[in-house]
Amino acid sequence: MEKSKRLPDAELEVMQAVWALEAPVTAAEVQRKVPSDWKATSVLTFLSRLCDKGFLSCEKEGRQNQYTPCVTREEYLQRESCSFVKRVCGGSVKNLVASLSDAGALTAHDIDELRAFLDAQGR
C-alpha cells in the first residue's frame, strides 16, 4: 500500500472527484466530475492505479465497480501539507507564509482568517 505517496495531478483530480461524490461511486459518476476531455478509459486507468496504491477500494456490484475512498481528503491534505512544508520550506511554516506574503498571494482577508484560526486554536 502506497498511501504515503504523493499523487500525480491527474490521480489527485480523480480523488477530488471521488471525495466530492457520495461513496461508493461508479466510474461513470467520476467521469462526469473530471475534465470533459478525459476519456472513460483514462478515468478507469486512474481509478485502477488509485486502488493499487491503496487510496481506493473497489467492489464489483452487478456489472459495475463501486469505488470507496480509503483515505479522507483531510488525511491527504494534512500529510501533503506537512510534506510540502518540510520539503520546500525547510519545515518552517513561517517561511511558507512569508513567501506567500512576499509574492502578494495573501490578501488582508487571508491574514485576518489566519489570525482568527490561530486565536481559535489558542496559539
PDB file of N, CA and C in Angstrom:
ATOM      1  N   MET A   1       0.845  -1.192   0.000  1.00  0.00           N
ATOM      2  CA  MET A   1       0.000   0.000   0.000  1.00  0.00           C
ATOM      3  C   MET A   1       0.882   1.245   0.000  1.00  0.00           C
ATOM      4  N   GLU A   2       0.550   2.198  -0.858  1.00  0.00           N
ATOM      5  CA  GLU A   2       1.387   3.384  -1.041  1.00  0.00           C
ATOM      6  C   GLU A   2       0.677   4.660  -0.593  1.00  0.00           C
ATOM      7  N   LYS A   3      -0.188   4.581   0.415  1.00  0.00           N
ATOM      8  CA  LYS A   3      -0.969   5.747   0.813  1.00  0.00           C
ATOM      9  C   LYS A   3      -0.099   6.933   1.210  1.00  0.00           C
ATOM     10  N   SER A   4       1.166   6.685   1.549  1.00  0.00           N
ATOM     11  CA  SER A   4       2.026   7.790   1.947  1.00  0.00           C
ATOM     12  C   SER A   4       2.619   8.514   0.738  1.00  0.00           C
ATOM     13  N   LYS A   5       2.409   7.989  -0.456  1.00  0.00           N
ATOM     14  CA  LYS A   5       2.948   8.608  -1.660  1.00  0.00           C
ATOM     15  C   LYS A   5       2.122   9.813  -2.084  1.00  0.00           C
ATOM     16  N   ARG A   6       2.801  10.785  -2.694  1.00  0.00           N
ATOM     17  CA  ARG A   6       2.143  11.953  -3.263  1.00  0.00           C
ATOM     18  C   ARG A   6       1.505  11.532  -4.583  1.00  0.00           C
ATOM     19  N   LEU A   7       0.286  11.972  -4.797  1.00  0.00           N
ATOM     20  CA  LEU A   7      -0.426  11.624  -6.020  1.00  0.00           C
ATOM     21  C   LEU A   7      -0.060  12.562  -7.157  1.00  0.00           C
ATOM     22  N   PRO A   8       0.129  12.012  -8.361  1.00  0.00           N
ATOM     23  CA  PRO A   8       0.288  12.885  -9.537  1.00  0.00           C
ATOM     24  C   PRO A   8      -1.001  13.697  -9.720  1.00  0.00           C
ATOM     25  N   ASP A   9      -0.892  14.818 -10.421  1.00  0.00           N
ATOM     26  CA  ASP A   9      -2.025  15.739 -10.565  1.00  0.00           C
ATOM     27  C   ASP A   9      -3.288  15.072 -11.098  1.00  0.00           C
ATOM     28  N   ALA A  10      -3.179  14.228 -12.120  1.00  0.00           N
ATOM     29  CA  ALA A  10      -4.366  13.600 -12.706  1.00  0.00           C
ATOM     30  C   ALA A  10      -5.041  12.658 -11.710  1.00  0.00           C
ATOM     31  N   GLU A  11      -4.251  11.882 -10.986  1.00  0.00           N
ATOM     32  CA  GLU A  11      -4.829  10.980  -9.991  1.00  0.00           C
ATOM     33  C   GLU A  11      -5.453  11.773  -8.849  1.00  0.00           C
ATOM     34  N   LEU A  12      -4.823  12.880  -8.475  1.00  0.00           N
ATOM     35  CA  LEU A  12      -5.398  13.723  -7.435  1.00  0.00           C
ATOM     36  C   LEU A  12      -6.737  14.297  -7.901  1.00  0.00           C
ATOM     37  N   GLU A  13      -6.829  14.660  -9.163  1.00  0.00           N
ATOM     38  CA  GLU A  13      -8.079  15.179  -9.697  1.00  0.00           C
ATOM     39  C   GLU A  13      -9.189  14.127  -9.605  1.00  0.00           C
ATOM     40  N   VAL A  14      -8.843  12.870  -9.872  1.00  0.00           N
ATOM     41  CA  VAL A  14      -9.824  11.785  -9.746  1.00  0.00           C
ATOM     42  C   VAL A  14     -10.218  11.616  -8.278  1.00  0.00           C
ATOM     43  N   MET A  15      -9.241  11.663  -7.380  1.00  0.00           N
ATOM     44  CA  MET A  15      -9.566  11.542  -5.950  1.00  0.00           C
ATOM     45  C   MET A  15     -10.458  12.698  -5.506  1.00  0.00           C
ATOM     46  N   GLN A  16     -10.184  13.914  -5.995  1.00  0.00           N
ATOM     47  CA  GLN A  16     -11.030  15.068  -5.654  1.00  0.00           C
ATOM     48  C   GLN A  16     -12.471  14.798  -6.082  1.00  0.00           C
ATOM     49  N   ALA A  17     -12.643  14.208  -7.252  1.00  0.00           N
ATOM     50  CA  ALA A  17     -13.985  13.878  -7.744  1.00  0.00           C
ATOM     51  C   ALA A  17     -14.644  12.835  -6.847  1.00  0.00           C
ATOM     52  N   VAL A  18     -13.887  11.809  -6.466  1.00  0.00           N
ATOM     53  CA  VAL A  18     -14.433  10.759  -5.599  1.00  0.00           C
ATOM     54  C   VAL A  18     -14.828  11.354  -4.252  1.00  0.00           C
ATOM     55  N   TRP A  19     -13.956  12.191  -3.682  1.00  0.00           N
ATOM     56  CA  TRP A  19     -14.272  12.806  -2.392  1.00  0.00           C
ATOM     57  C   TRP A  19     -15.513  13.693  -2.481  1.00  0.00           C
ATOM     58  N   ALA A  20     -15.713  14.340  -3.618  1.00  0.00           N
ATOM     59  CA  ALA A  20     -16.851  15.247  -3.775  1.00  0.00           C
ATOM     60  C   ALA A  20     -18.171  14.501  -3.925  1.00  0.00           C
ATOM     61  N   LEU A  21     -18.110  13.261  -4.368  1.00  0.00           N
ATOM     62  CA  LEU A  21     -19.318  12.458  -4.559  1.00  0.00           C
ATOM     63  C   LEU A  21     -19.605  11.645  -3.301  1.00  0.00           C
ATOM     64  N   GLU A  22     -20.813  11.155  -3.181  1.00  0.00           N
ATOM     65  CA  GLU A  22     -21.156  10.321  -2.040  1.00  0.00           C
ATOM     66  C   GLU A  22     -20.739   8.886  -2.345  1.00  0.00           C
ATOM     67  N   ALA A  23     -19.844   8.341  -1.523  1.00  0.00           N
ATOM     68  CA  ALA A  23     -19.299   6.999  -1.759  1.00  0.00           C
ATOM     69  C   ALA A  23     -20.342   5.944  -1.412  1.00  0.00           C
ATOM     70  N   PRO A  24     -20.279   4.795  -2.045  1.00  0.00           N
ATOM     71  CA  PRO A  24     -19.378   4.433  -3.140  1.00  0.00           C
ATOM     72  C   PRO A  24     -19.806   5.066  -4.455  1.00  0.00           C
ATOM     73  N   VAL A  25     -18.841   5.173  -5.374  1.00  0.00           N
ATOM     74  CA  VAL A  25     -19.106   5.819  -6.666  1.00  0.00           C
ATOM     75  C   VAL A  25     -18.738   4.870  -7.803  1.00  0.00           C
ATOM     76  N   THR A  26     -19.333   5.116  -8.945  1.00  0.00           N
ATOM     77  CA  THR A  26     -19.004   4.353 -10.147  1.00  0.00           C
ATOM     78  C   THR A  26     -18.042   5.159 -11.005  1.00  0.00           C
ATOM     79  N   ALA A  27     -17.424   4.491 -11.956  1.00  0.00           N
ATOM     80  CA  ALA A  27     -16.532   5.180 -12.884  1.00  0.00           C
ATOM     81  C   ALA A  27     -17.304   6.229 -13.683  1.00  0.00           C
ATOM     82  N   ALA A  28     -18.540   5.936 -14.031  1.00  0.00           N
ATOM     83  CA  ALA A  28     -19.352   6.892 -14.798  1.00  0.00           C
ATOM     84  C   ALA A  28     -19.613   8.161 -13.992  1.00  0.00           C
ATOM     85  N   GLU A  29     -19.836   8.022 -12.696  1.00  0.00           N
ATOM     86  CA  GLU A  29     -20.052   9.200 -11.849  1.00  0.00           C
ATOM     87  C   GLU A  29     -18.781  10.042 -11.771  1.00  0.00           C
ATOM     88  N   VAL A  30     -17.645   9.374 -11.637  1.00  0.00           N
ATOM     89  CA  VAL A  30     -16.368  10.078 -11.596  1.00  0.00           C
ATOM     90  C   VAL A  30     -16.129  10.769 -12.937  1.00  0.00           C
ATOM     91  N   GLN A  31     -16.428  10.086 -14.021  1.00  0.00           N
ATOM     92  CA  GLN A  31     -16.240  10.627 -15.369  1.00  0.00           C
ATOM     93  C   GLN A  31     -16.956  11.971 -15.531  1.00  0.00           C
ATOM     94  N   ARG A  32     -18.143  12.093 -14.945  1.00  0.00           N
ATOM     95  CA  ARG A  32     -18.914  13.336 -15.065  1.00  0.00           C
ATOM     96  C   ARG A  32     -18.305  14.480 -14.254  1.00  0.00           C
ATOM     97  N   LYS A  33     -17.449  14.179 -13.275  1.00  0.00           N
ATOM     98  CA  LYS A  33     -16.866  15.213 -12.409  1.00  0.00           C
ATOM     99  C   LYS A  33     -15.486  15.683 -12.858  1.00  0.00           C
ATOM    100  N   VAL A  34     -14.815  14.901 -13.682  1.00  0.00           N
ATOM    101  CA  VAL A  34     -13.456  15.246 -14.112  1.00  0.00           C
ATOM    102  C   VAL A  34     -13.520  16.047 -15.413  1.00  0.00           C
ATOM    103  N   PRO A  35     -12.387  16.584 -15.904  1.00  0.00           N
ATOM    104  CA  PRO A  35     -12.410  17.374 -17.141  1.00  0.00           C
ATOM    105  C   PRO A  35     -13.109  16.631 -18.283  1.00  0.00           C
ATOM    106  N   SER A  36     -13.893  17.364 -19.040  1.00  0.00           N
ATOM    107  CA  SER A  36     -14.733  16.758 -20.072  1.00  0.00           C
ATOM    108  C   SER A  36     -13.943  16.118 -21.212  1.00  0.00           C
ATOM    109  N   ASP A  37     -12.666  16.496 -21.370  1.00  0.00           N
ATOM    110  CA  ASP A  37     -11.892  15.909 -22.463  1.00  0.00           C
ATOM    111  C   ASP A  37     -11.227  14.583 -22.084  1.00  0.00           C
ATOM    112  N   TRP A  38     -11.414  14.135 -20.851  1.00  0.00           N
ATOM    113  CA  TRP A  38     -10.846  12.855 -20.437  1.00  0.00           C
ATOM    114  C   TRP A  38     -11.713  11.724 -20.971  1.00  0.00           C
ATOM    115  N   LYS A  39     -11.077  10.711 -21.504  1.00  0.00           N
ATOM    116  CA  LYS A  39     -11.789   9.538 -21.997  1.00  0.00           C
ATOM    117  C   LYS A  39     -12.118   8.604 -20.826  1.00  0.00           C
ATOM    118  N   ALA A  40     -13.167   7.818 -20.985  1.00  0.00           N
ATOM    119  CA  ALA A  40     -13.578   6.874 -19.943  1.00  0.00           C
ATOM    120  C   ALA A  40     -12.450   5.902 -19.613  1.00  0.00           C
ATOM    121  N   THR A  41     -11.679   5.499 -20.622  1.00  0.00           N
ATOM    122  CA  THR A  41     -10.581   4.559 -20.366  1.00  0.00           C
ATOM    123  C   THR A  41      -9.504   5.186 -19.483  1.00  0.00           C
ATOM    124  N   SER A  42      -9.284   6.492 -19.631  1.00  0.00           N
ATOM    125  CA  SER A  42      -8.304   7.184 -18.777  1.00  0.00           C
ATOM    126  C   SER A  42      -8.782   7.191 -17.338  1.00  0.00           C
ATOM    127  N   VAL A  43     -10.059   7.492 -17.147  1.00  0.00           N
ATOM    128  CA  VAL A  43     -10.619   7.510 -15.789  1.00  0.00           C
ATOM    129  C   VAL A  43     -10.508   6.123 -15.164  1.00  0.00           C
ATOM    130  N   LEU A  44     -10.828   5.093 -15.933  1.00  0.00           N
ATOM    131  CA  LEU A  44     -10.712   3.718 -15.408  1.00  0.00           C
ATOM    132  C   LEU A  44      -9.270   3.384 -15.039  1.00  0.00           C
ATOM    133  N   THR A  45      -8.321   3.837 -15.858  1.00  0.00           N
ATOM    134  CA  THR A  45      -6.908   3.604 -15.554  1.00  0.00           C
ATOM    135  C   THR A  45      -6.516   4.284 -14.247  1.00  0.00           C
ATOM    136  N   PHE A  46      -6.933   5.551 -14.077  1.00  0.00           N
ATOM    137  CA  PHE A  46      -6.614   6.269 -12.841  1.00  0.00           C
ATOM    138  C   PHE A  46      -7.268   5.610 -11.636  1.00  0.00           C
ATOM    139  N   LEU A  47      -8.506   5.183 -11.778  1.00  0.00           N
ATOM    140  CA  LEU A  47      -9.199   4.506 -10.668  1.00  0.00           C
ATOM    141  C   LEU A  47      -8.463   3.220 -10.294  1.00  0.00           C
ATOM    142  N   SER A  48      -8.016   2.475 -11.292  1.00  0.00           N
ATOM    143  CA  SER A  48      -7.276   1.241 -11.038  1.00  0.00           C
ATOM    144  C   SER A  48      -5.958   1.525 -10.313  1.00  0.00           C
ATOM    145  N   ARG A  49      -5.245   2.560 -10.758  1.00  0.00           N
ATOM    146  CA  ARG A  49      -3.983   2.935 -10.099  1.00  0.00           C
ATOM    147  C   ARG A  49      -4.221   3.336  -8.647  1.00  0.00           C
ATOM    148  N   LEU A  50      -5.297   4.090  -8.421  1.00  0.00           N
ATOM    149  CA  LEU A  50      -5.602   4.543  -7.065  1.00  0.00           C
ATOM    150  C   LEU A  50      -5.960   3.359  -6.167  1.00  0.00           C
ATOM    151  N   CYS A  51      -6.586   2.336  -6.726  1.00  0.00           N
ATOM    152  CA  CYS A  51      -6.854   1.109  -5.966  1.00  0.00           C
ATOM    153  C   CYS A  51      -5.538   0.399  -5.633  1.00  0.00           C
ATOM    154  N   ASP A  52      -4.658   0.290  -6.641  1.00  0.00           N
ATOM    155  CA  ASP A  52      -3.363  -0.370  -6.441  1.00  0.00           C
ATOM    156  C   ASP A  52      -2.536   0.345  -5.377  1.00  0.00           C
ATOM    157  N   LYS A  53      -2.660   1.660  -5.297  1.00  0.00           N
ATOM    158  CA  LYS A  53      -1.893   2.449  -4.333  1.00  0.00           C
ATOM    159  C   LYS A  53      -2.546   2.496  -2.958  1.00  0.00           C
ATOM    160  N   GLY A  54      -3.763   1.958  -2.824  1.00  0.00           N
ATOM    161  CA  GLY A  54      -4.428   1.929  -1.523  1.00  0.00           C
ATOM    162  C   GLY A  54      -5.260   3.154  -1.211  1.00  0.00           C
ATOM    163  N   PHE A  55      -5.476   4.026  -2.190  1.00  0.00           N
ATOM    164  CA  PHE A  55      -6.294   5.211  -1.957  1.00  0.00           C
ATOM    165  C   PHE A  55      -7.783   4.908  -2.108  1.00  0.00           C
ATOM    166  N   LEU A  56      -8.103   3.893  -2.910  1.00  0.00           N
ATOM    167  CA  LEU A  56      -9.484   3.490  -3.137  1.00  0.00           C
ATOM    168  C   LEU A  56      -9.615   1.989  -2.935  1.00  0.00           C
ATOM    169  N   SER A  57     -10.819   1.561  -2.547  1.00  0.00           N
ATOM    170  CA  SER A  57     -11.143   0.142  -2.597  1.00  0.00           C
ATOM    171  C   SER A  57     -12.186  -0.024  -3.689  1.00  0.00           C
ATOM    172  N   CYS A  58     -12.265  -1.219  -4.228  1.00  0.00           N
ATOM    173  CA  CYS A  58     -13.168  -1.473  -5.350  1.00  0.00           C
ATOM    174  C   CYS A  58     -13.935  -2.758  -5.087  1.00  0.00           C
ATOM    175  N   GLU A  59     -15.249  -2.676  -5.242  1.00  0.00           N
ATOM    176  CA  GLU A  59     -16.087  -3.860  -5.130  1.00  0.00           C
ATOM    177  C   GLU A  59     -16.979  -3.948  -6.359  1.00  0.00           C
ATOM    178  N   LYS A  60     -17.093  -5.133  -6.882  1.00  0.00           N
ATOM    179  CA  LYS A  60     -17.954  -5.364  -8.042  1.00  0.00           C
ATOM    180  C   LYS A  60     -19.398  -5.457  -7.550  1.00  0.00           C
ATOM    181  N   GLU A  61     -20.266  -4.670  -8.153  1.00  0.00           N
ATOM    182  CA  GLU A  61     -21.685  -4.739  -7.840  1.00  0.00           C
ATOM    183  C   GLU A  61     -22.435  -4.853  -9.153  1.00  0.00           C
ATOM    184  N   GLY A  62     -22.931  -6.049  -9.429  1.00  0.00           N
ATOM    185  CA  GLY A  62     -23.550  -6.290 -10.722  1.00  0.00           C
ATOM    186  C   GLY A  62     -22.483  -6.213 -11.803  1.00  0.00           C
ATOM    187  N   ARG A  63     -22.712  -5.357 -12.783  1.00  0.00           N
ATOM    188  CA  ARG A  63     -21.750  -5.213 -13.874  1.00  0.00           C
ATOM    189  C   ARG A  63     -20.818  -4.020 -13.679  1.00  0.00           C
ATOM    190  N   GLN A  64     -20.977  -3.305 -12.564  1.00  0.00           N
ATOM    191  CA  GLN A  64     -20.173  -2.104 -12.332  1.00  0.00           C
ATOM    192  C   GLN A  64     -19.276  -2.273 -11.117  1.00  0.00           C
ATOM    193  N   ASN A  65     -18.169  -1.565 -11.149  1.00  0.00           N
ATOM    194  CA  ASN A  65     -17.313  -1.469  -9.974  1.00  0.00           C
ATOM    195  C   ASN A  65     -17.766  -0.280  -9.144  1.00  0.00           C
ATOM    196  N   GLN A  66     -17.719  -0.447  -7.837  1.00  0.00           N
ATOM    197  CA  GLN A  66     -18.039   0.627  -6.898  1.00  0.00           C
ATOM    198  C   GLN A  66     -16.740   0.989  -6.177  1.00  0.00           C
ATOM    199  N   TYR A  67     -16.399   2.266  -6.180  1.00  0.00           N
ATOM    200  CA  TYR A  67     -15.146   2.735  -5.592  1.00  0.00           C
ATOM    201  C   TYR A  67     -15.429   3.520  -4.317  1.00  0.00           C
ATOM    202  N   THR A  68     -14.653   3.219  -3.288  1.00  0.00           N
ATOM    203  CA  THR A  68     -14.796   3.885  -1.993  1.00  0.00           C
ATOM    204  C   THR A  68     -13.422   4.387  -1.545  1.00  0.00           C
ATOM    205  N   PRO A  69     -13.332   5.641  -1.097  1.00  0.00           N
ATOM    206  CA  PRO A  69     -12.023   6.147  -0.651  1.00  0.00           C
ATOM    207  C   PRO A  69     -11.556   5.444   0.625  1.00  0.00           C
ATOM    208  N   CYS A  70     -10.279   5.139   0.660  1.00  0.00           N
ATOM    209  CA  CYS A  70      -9.643   4.570   1.855  1.00  0.00           C
ATOM    210  C   CYS A  70      -8.906   5.654   2.635  1.00  0.00           C
ATOM    211  N   VAL A  71      -8.757   6.816   2.035  1.00  0.00           N
ATOM    212  CA  VAL A  71      -8.086   7.966   2.633  1.00  0.00           C
ATOM    213  C   VAL A  71      -9.037   9.148   2.501  1.00  0.00           C
ATOM    214  N   THR A  72      -9.247   9.879   3.586  1.00  0.00           N
ATOM    215  CA  THR A  72     -10.113  11.052   3.504  1.00  0.00           C
ATOM    216  C   THR A  72      -9.347  12.221   2.905  1.00  0.00           C
ATOM    217  N   ARG A  73     -10.103  13.179   2.405  1.00  0.00           N
ATOM    218  CA  ARG A  73      -9.490  14.397   1.870  1.00  0.00           C
ATOM    219  C   ARG A  73      -8.647  15.069   2.957  1.00  0.00           C
ATOM    220  N   GLU A  74      -9.165  15.097   4.175  1.00  0.00           N
ATOM    221  CA  GLU A  74      -8.460  15.752   5.287  1.00  0.00           C
ATOM    222  C   GLU A  74      -7.141  15.053   5.598  1.00  0.00           C
ATOM    223  N   GLU A  75      -7.152  13.710   5.599  1.00  0.00           N
ATOM    224  CA  GLU A  75      -5.913  12.970   5.858  1.00  0.00           C
ATOM    225  C   GLU A  75      -4.859  13.284   4.795  1.00  0.00           C
ATOM    226  N   TYR A  76      -5.287  13.285   3.539  1.00  0.00           N
ATOM    227  CA  TYR A  76      -4.345  13.559   2.450  1.00  0.00           C
ATOM    228  C   TYR A  76      -3.826  14.990   2.528  1.00  0.00           C
ATOM    229  N   LEU A  77      -4.713  15.937   2.787  1.00  0.00           N
ATOM    230  CA  LEU A  77      -4.322  17.344   2.885  1.00  0.00           C
ATOM    231  C   LEU A  77      -3.313  17.550   4.014  1.00  0.00           C
ATOM    232  N   GLN A  78      -3.568  16.951   5.158  1.00  0.00           N
ATOM    233  CA  GLN A  78      -2.631  17.088   6.284  1.00  0.00           C
ATOM    234  C   GLN A  78      -1.266  16.515   5.939  1.00  0.00           C
ATOM    235  N   ARG A  79      -1.256  15.314   5.365  1.00  0.00           N
ATOM    236  CA  ARG A  79       0.021  14.664   5.026  1.00  0.00           C
ATOM    237  C   ARG A  79       0.778  15.468   3.963  1.00  0.00           C
ATOM    238  N   GLU A  80       0.066  15.913   2.921  1.00  0.00           N
ATOM    239  CA  GLU A  80       0.713  16.669   1.858  1.00  0.00           C
ATOM    240  C   GLU A  80       1.190  18.032   2.343  1.00  0.00           C
ATOM    241  N   SER A  81       0.414  18.682   3.191  1.00  0.00           N
ATOM    242  CA  SER A  81       0.809  19.991   3.722  1.00  0.00           C
ATOM    243  C   SER A  81       2.093  19.876   4.533  1.00  0.00           C
ATOM    244  N   CYS A  82       2.138  18.892   5.412  1.00  0.00           N
ATOM    245  CA  CYS A  82       3.346  18.693   6.229  1.00  0.00           C
ATOM    246  C   CYS A  82       4.540  18.348   5.350  1.00  0.00           C
ATOM    247  N   SER A  83       4.324  17.489   4.367  1.00  0.00           N
ATOM    248  CA  SER A  83       5.401  17.104   3.461  1.00  0.00           C
ATOM    249  C   SER A  83       5.915  18.308   2.679  1.00  0.00           C
ATOM    250  N   PHE A  84       5.005  19.140   2.180  1.00  0.00           N
ATOM    251  CA  PHE A  84       5.393  20.326   1.417  1.00  0.00           C
ATOM    252  C   PHE A  84       6.221  21.279   2.274  1.00  0.00           C
ATOM    253  N   VAL A  85       5.758  21.539   3.479  1.00  0.00           N
ATOM    254  CA  VAL A  85       6.476  22.465   4.361  1.00  0.00           C
ATOM    255  C   VAL A  85       7.870  21.925   4.662  1.00  0.00           C
ATOM    256  N   LYS A  86       7.991  20.623   4.886  1.00  0.00           N
ATOM    257  CA  LYS A  86       9.308  20.030   5.150  1.00  0.00           C
ATOM    258  C   LYS A  86      10.217  20.108   3.930  1.00  0.00           C
ATOM    259  N   ARG A  87       9.682  19.701   2.763  1.00  0.00           N
ATOM    260  CA  ARG A  87      10.498  19.629   1.545  1.00  0.00           C
ATOM    261  C   ARG A  87      10.885  21.000   1.018  1.00  0.00           C
ATOM    262  N   VAL A  88       9.934  21.916   0.967  1.00  0.00           N
ATOM    263  CA  VAL A  88      10.145  23.174   0.272  1.00  0.00           C
ATOM    264  C   VAL A  88      10.529  24.313   1.205  1.00  0.00           C
ATOM    265  N   CYS A  89      10.028  24.293   2.404  1.00  0.00           N
ATOM    266  CA  CYS A  89      10.228  25.421   3.327  1.00  0.00           C
ATOM    267  C   CYS A  89      11.128  25.075   4.497  1.00  0.00           C
ATOM    268  N   GLY A  90      11.832  23.963   4.399  1.00  0.00           N
ATOM    269  CA  GLY A  90      12.742  23.578   5.475  1.00  0.00           C
ATOM    270  C   GLY A  90      12.033  23.316   6.788  1.00  0.00           C
ATOM    271  N   GLY A  91      10.755  22.946   6.722  1.00  0.00           N
ATOM    272  CA  GLY A  91       9.995  22.654   7.934  1.00  0.00           C
ATOM    273  C   GLY A  91       9.429  23.882   8.613  1.00  0.00           C
ATOM    274  N   SER A  92       9.608  25.047   8.018  1.00  0.00           N
ATOM    275  CA  SER A  92       9.181  26.296   8.646  1.00  0.00           C
ATOM    276  C   SER A  92       7.887  26.821   8.018  1.00  0.00           C
ATOM    277  N   VAL A  93       6.814  26.826   8.805  1.00  0.00           N
ATOM    278  CA  VAL A  93       5.552  27.400   8.342  1.00  0.00           C
ATOM    279  C   VAL A  93       5.719  28.907   8.153  1.00  0.00           C
ATOM    280  N   LYS A  94       6.542  29.529   8.992  1.00  0.00           N
ATOM    281  CA  LYS A  94       6.805  30.963   8.866  1.00  0.00           C
ATOM    282  C   LYS A  94       7.393  31.271   7.490  1.00  0.00           C
ATOM    283  N   ASN A  95       8.331  30.431   7.021  1.00  0.00           N
ATOM    284  CA  ASN A  95       8.911  30.634   5.687  1.00  0.00           C
ATOM    285  C   ASN A  95       7.845  30.517   4.601  1.00  0.00           C
ATOM    286  N   LEU A  96       6.913  29.595   4.770  1.00  0.00           N
ATOM    287  CA  LEU A  96       5.830  29.433   3.802  1.00  0.00           C
ATOM    288  C   LEU A  96       4.964  30.684   3.756  1.00  0.00           C
ATOM    289  N   VAL A  97       4.547  31.151   4.924  1.00  0.00           N
ATOM    290  CA  VAL A  97       3.677  32.326   4.991  1.00  0.00           C
ATOM    291  C   VAL A  97       4.422  33.563   4.487  1.00  0.00           C
ATOM    292  N   ALA A  98       5.695  33.690   4.842  1.00  0.00           N
ATOM    293  CA  ALA A  98       6.493  34.834   4.372  1.00  0.00           C
ATOM    294  C   ALA A  98       6.605  34.822   2.849  1.00  0.00           C
ATOM    295  N   SER A  99       6.811  33.644   2.280  1.00  0.00           N
ATOM    296  CA  SER A  99       6.910  33.524   0.834  1.00  0.00           C
ATOM    297  C   SER A  99       5.597  33.908   0.158  1.00  0.00           C
ATOM    298  N   LEU A 100       4.484  33.449   0.719  1.00  0.00           N
ATOM    299  CA  LEU A 100       3.171  33.809   0.175  1.00  0.00           C
ATOM    300  C   LEU A 100       2.935  35.311   0.277  1.00  0.00           C
ATOM    301  N   SER A 101       3.325  35.870   1.389  1.00  0.00           N
ATOM    302  CA  SER A 101       3.149  37.308   1.603  1.00  0.00           C
ATOM    303  C   SER A 101       4.010  38.111   0.625  1.00  0.00           C
ATOM    304  N   ASP A 102       5.287  37.720   0.503  1.00  0.00           N
ATOM    305  CA  ASP A 102       6.201  38.416  -0.408  1.00  0.00           C
ATOM    306  C   ASP A 102       5.735  38.339  -1.860  1.00  0.00           C
ATOM    307  N   ALA A 103       5.061  37.240  -2.199  1.00  0.00           N
ATOM    308  CA  ALA A 103       4.576  37.055  -3.568  1.00  0.00           C
ATOM    309  C   ALA A 103       3.249  37.777  -3.807  1.00  0.00           C
ATOM    310  N   GLY A 104       2.717  38.401  -2.751  1.00  0.00           N
ATOM    311  CA  GLY A 104       1.442  39.102  -2.879  1.00  0.00           C
ATOM    312  C   GLY A 104       0.254  38.165  -2.936  1.00  0.00           C
ATOM    313  N   ALA A 105       0.450  36.919  -2.499  1.00  0.00           N
ATOM    314  CA  ALA A 105      -0.617  35.916  -2.569  1.00  0.00           C
ATOM    315  C   ALA A 105      -1.558  35.955  -1.370  1.00  0.00           C
ATOM    316  N   LEU A 106      -1.216  36.730  -0.355  1.00  0.00           N
ATOM    317  CA  LEU A 106      -2.075  36.834   0.828  1.00  0.00           C
ATOM    318  C   LEU A 106      -2.824  38.153   0.811  1.00  0.00           C
ATOM    319  N   THR A 107      -4.125  38.060   0.880  1.00  0.00           N
ATOM    320  CA  THR A 107      -4.940  39.272   0.980  1.00  0.00           C
ATOM    321  C   THR A 107      -5.101  39.630   2.450  1.00  0.00           C
ATOM    322  N   ALA A 108      -5.606  40.818   2.712  1.00  0.00           N
ATOM    323  CA  ALA A 108      -5.893  41.215   4.097  1.00  0.00           C
ATOM    324  C   ALA A 108      -6.897  40.251   4.706  1.00  0.00           C
ATOM    325  N   HIS A 109      -7.858  39.806   3.899  1.00  0.00           N
ATOM    326  CA  HIS A 109      -8.852  38.841   4.371  1.00  0.00           C
ATOM    327  C   HIS A 109      -8.181  37.519   4.768  1.00  0.00           C
ATOM    328  N   ASP A 110      -7.223  37.055   3.945  1.00  0.00           N
ATOM    329  CA  ASP A 110      -6.487  35.824   4.260  1.00  0.00           C
ATOM    330  C   ASP A 110      -5.766  35.955   5.599  1.00  0.00           C
ATOM    331  N   ILE A 111      -5.127  37.093   5.808  1.00  0.00           N
ATOM    332  CA  ILE A 111      -4.382  37.319   7.047  1.00  0.00           C
ATOM    333  C   ILE A 111      -5.334  37.345   8.237  1.00  0.00           C
ATOM    334  N   ASP A 112      -6.482  38.009   8.084  1.00  0.00           N
ATOM    335  CA  ASP A 112      -7.488  38.022   9.156  1.00  0.00           C
ATOM    336  C   ASP A 112      -7.973  36.611   9.469  1.00  0.00           C
ATOM    337  N   GLU A 113      -8.192  35.811   8.429  1.00  0.00           N
ATOM    338  CA  GLU A 113      -8.626  34.424   8.643  1.00  0.00           C
ATOM    339  C   GLU A 113      -7.552  33.616   9.376  1.00  0.00           C
ATOM    340  N   LEU A 114      -6.287  33.813   8.993  1.00  0.00           N
ATOM    341  CA  LEU A 114      -5.191  33.119   9.678  1.00  0.00           C
ATOM    342  C   LEU A 114      -5.121  33.512  11.151  1.00  0.00           C
ATOM    343  N   ARG A 115      -5.244  34.808  11.416  1.00  0.00           N
ATOM    344  CA  ARG A 115      -5.234  35.280  12.808  1.00  0.00           C
ATOM    345  C   ARG A 115      -6.368  34.661  13.612  1.00  0.00           C
ATOM    346  N   ALA A 116      -7.567  34.689  13.041  1.00  0.00           N
ATOM    347  CA  ALA A 116      -8.739  34.146  13.722  1.00  0.00           C
ATOM    348  C   ALA A 116      -8.565  32.641  13.965  1.00  0.00           C
ATOM    349  N   PHE A 117      -8.021  31.945  12.979  1.00  0.00           N
ATOM    350  CA  PHE A 117      -7.802  30.500  13.133  1.00  0.00           C
ATOM    351  C   PHE A 117      -6.816  30.220  14.260  1.00  0.00           C
ATOM    352  N   LEU A 118      -5.683  30.943  14.266  1.00  0.00           N
ATOM    353  CA  LEU A 118      -4.670  30.722  15.302  1.00  0.00           C
ATOM    354  C   LEU A 118      -5.202  31.107  16.672  1.00  0.00           C
ATOM    355  N   ASP A 119      -5.981  32.192  16.751  1.00  0.00           N
ATOM    356  CA  ASP A 119      -6.594  32.582  18.020  1.00  0.00           C
ATOM    357  C   ASP A 119      -7.534  31.500  18.525  1.00  0.00           C
ATOM    358  N   ALA A 120      -8.317  30.926  17.615  1.00  0.00           N
ATOM    359  CA  ALA A 120      -9.251  29.867  17.995  1.00  0.00           C
ATOM    360  C   ALA A 120      -8.524  28.599  18.458  1.00  0.00           C
ATOM    361  N   GLN A 121      -7.311  28.415  17.943  1.00  0.00           N
ATOM    362  CA  GLN A 121      -6.509  27.263  18.344  1.00  0.00           C
ATOM    363  C   GLN A 121      -5.779  27.515  19.658  1.00  0.00           C
ATOM    364  N   GLY A 122      -5.883  28.733  20.167  1.00  0.00           N
ATOM    365  CA  GLY A 122      -5.199  29.071  21.409  1.00  0.00           C
ATOM    366  C   GLY A 122      -3.720  29.292  21.221  1.00  0.00           C
ATOM    367  N   ARG A 123      -3.325  29.761  20.051  1.00  0.00           N
ATOM    368  CA  ARG A 123      -1.898  29.970  19.764  1.00  0.00           C
ATOM    369  C   ARG A 123      -1.628  31.418  19.450  1.00  0.00           C
TER     370      ARG A 123
END
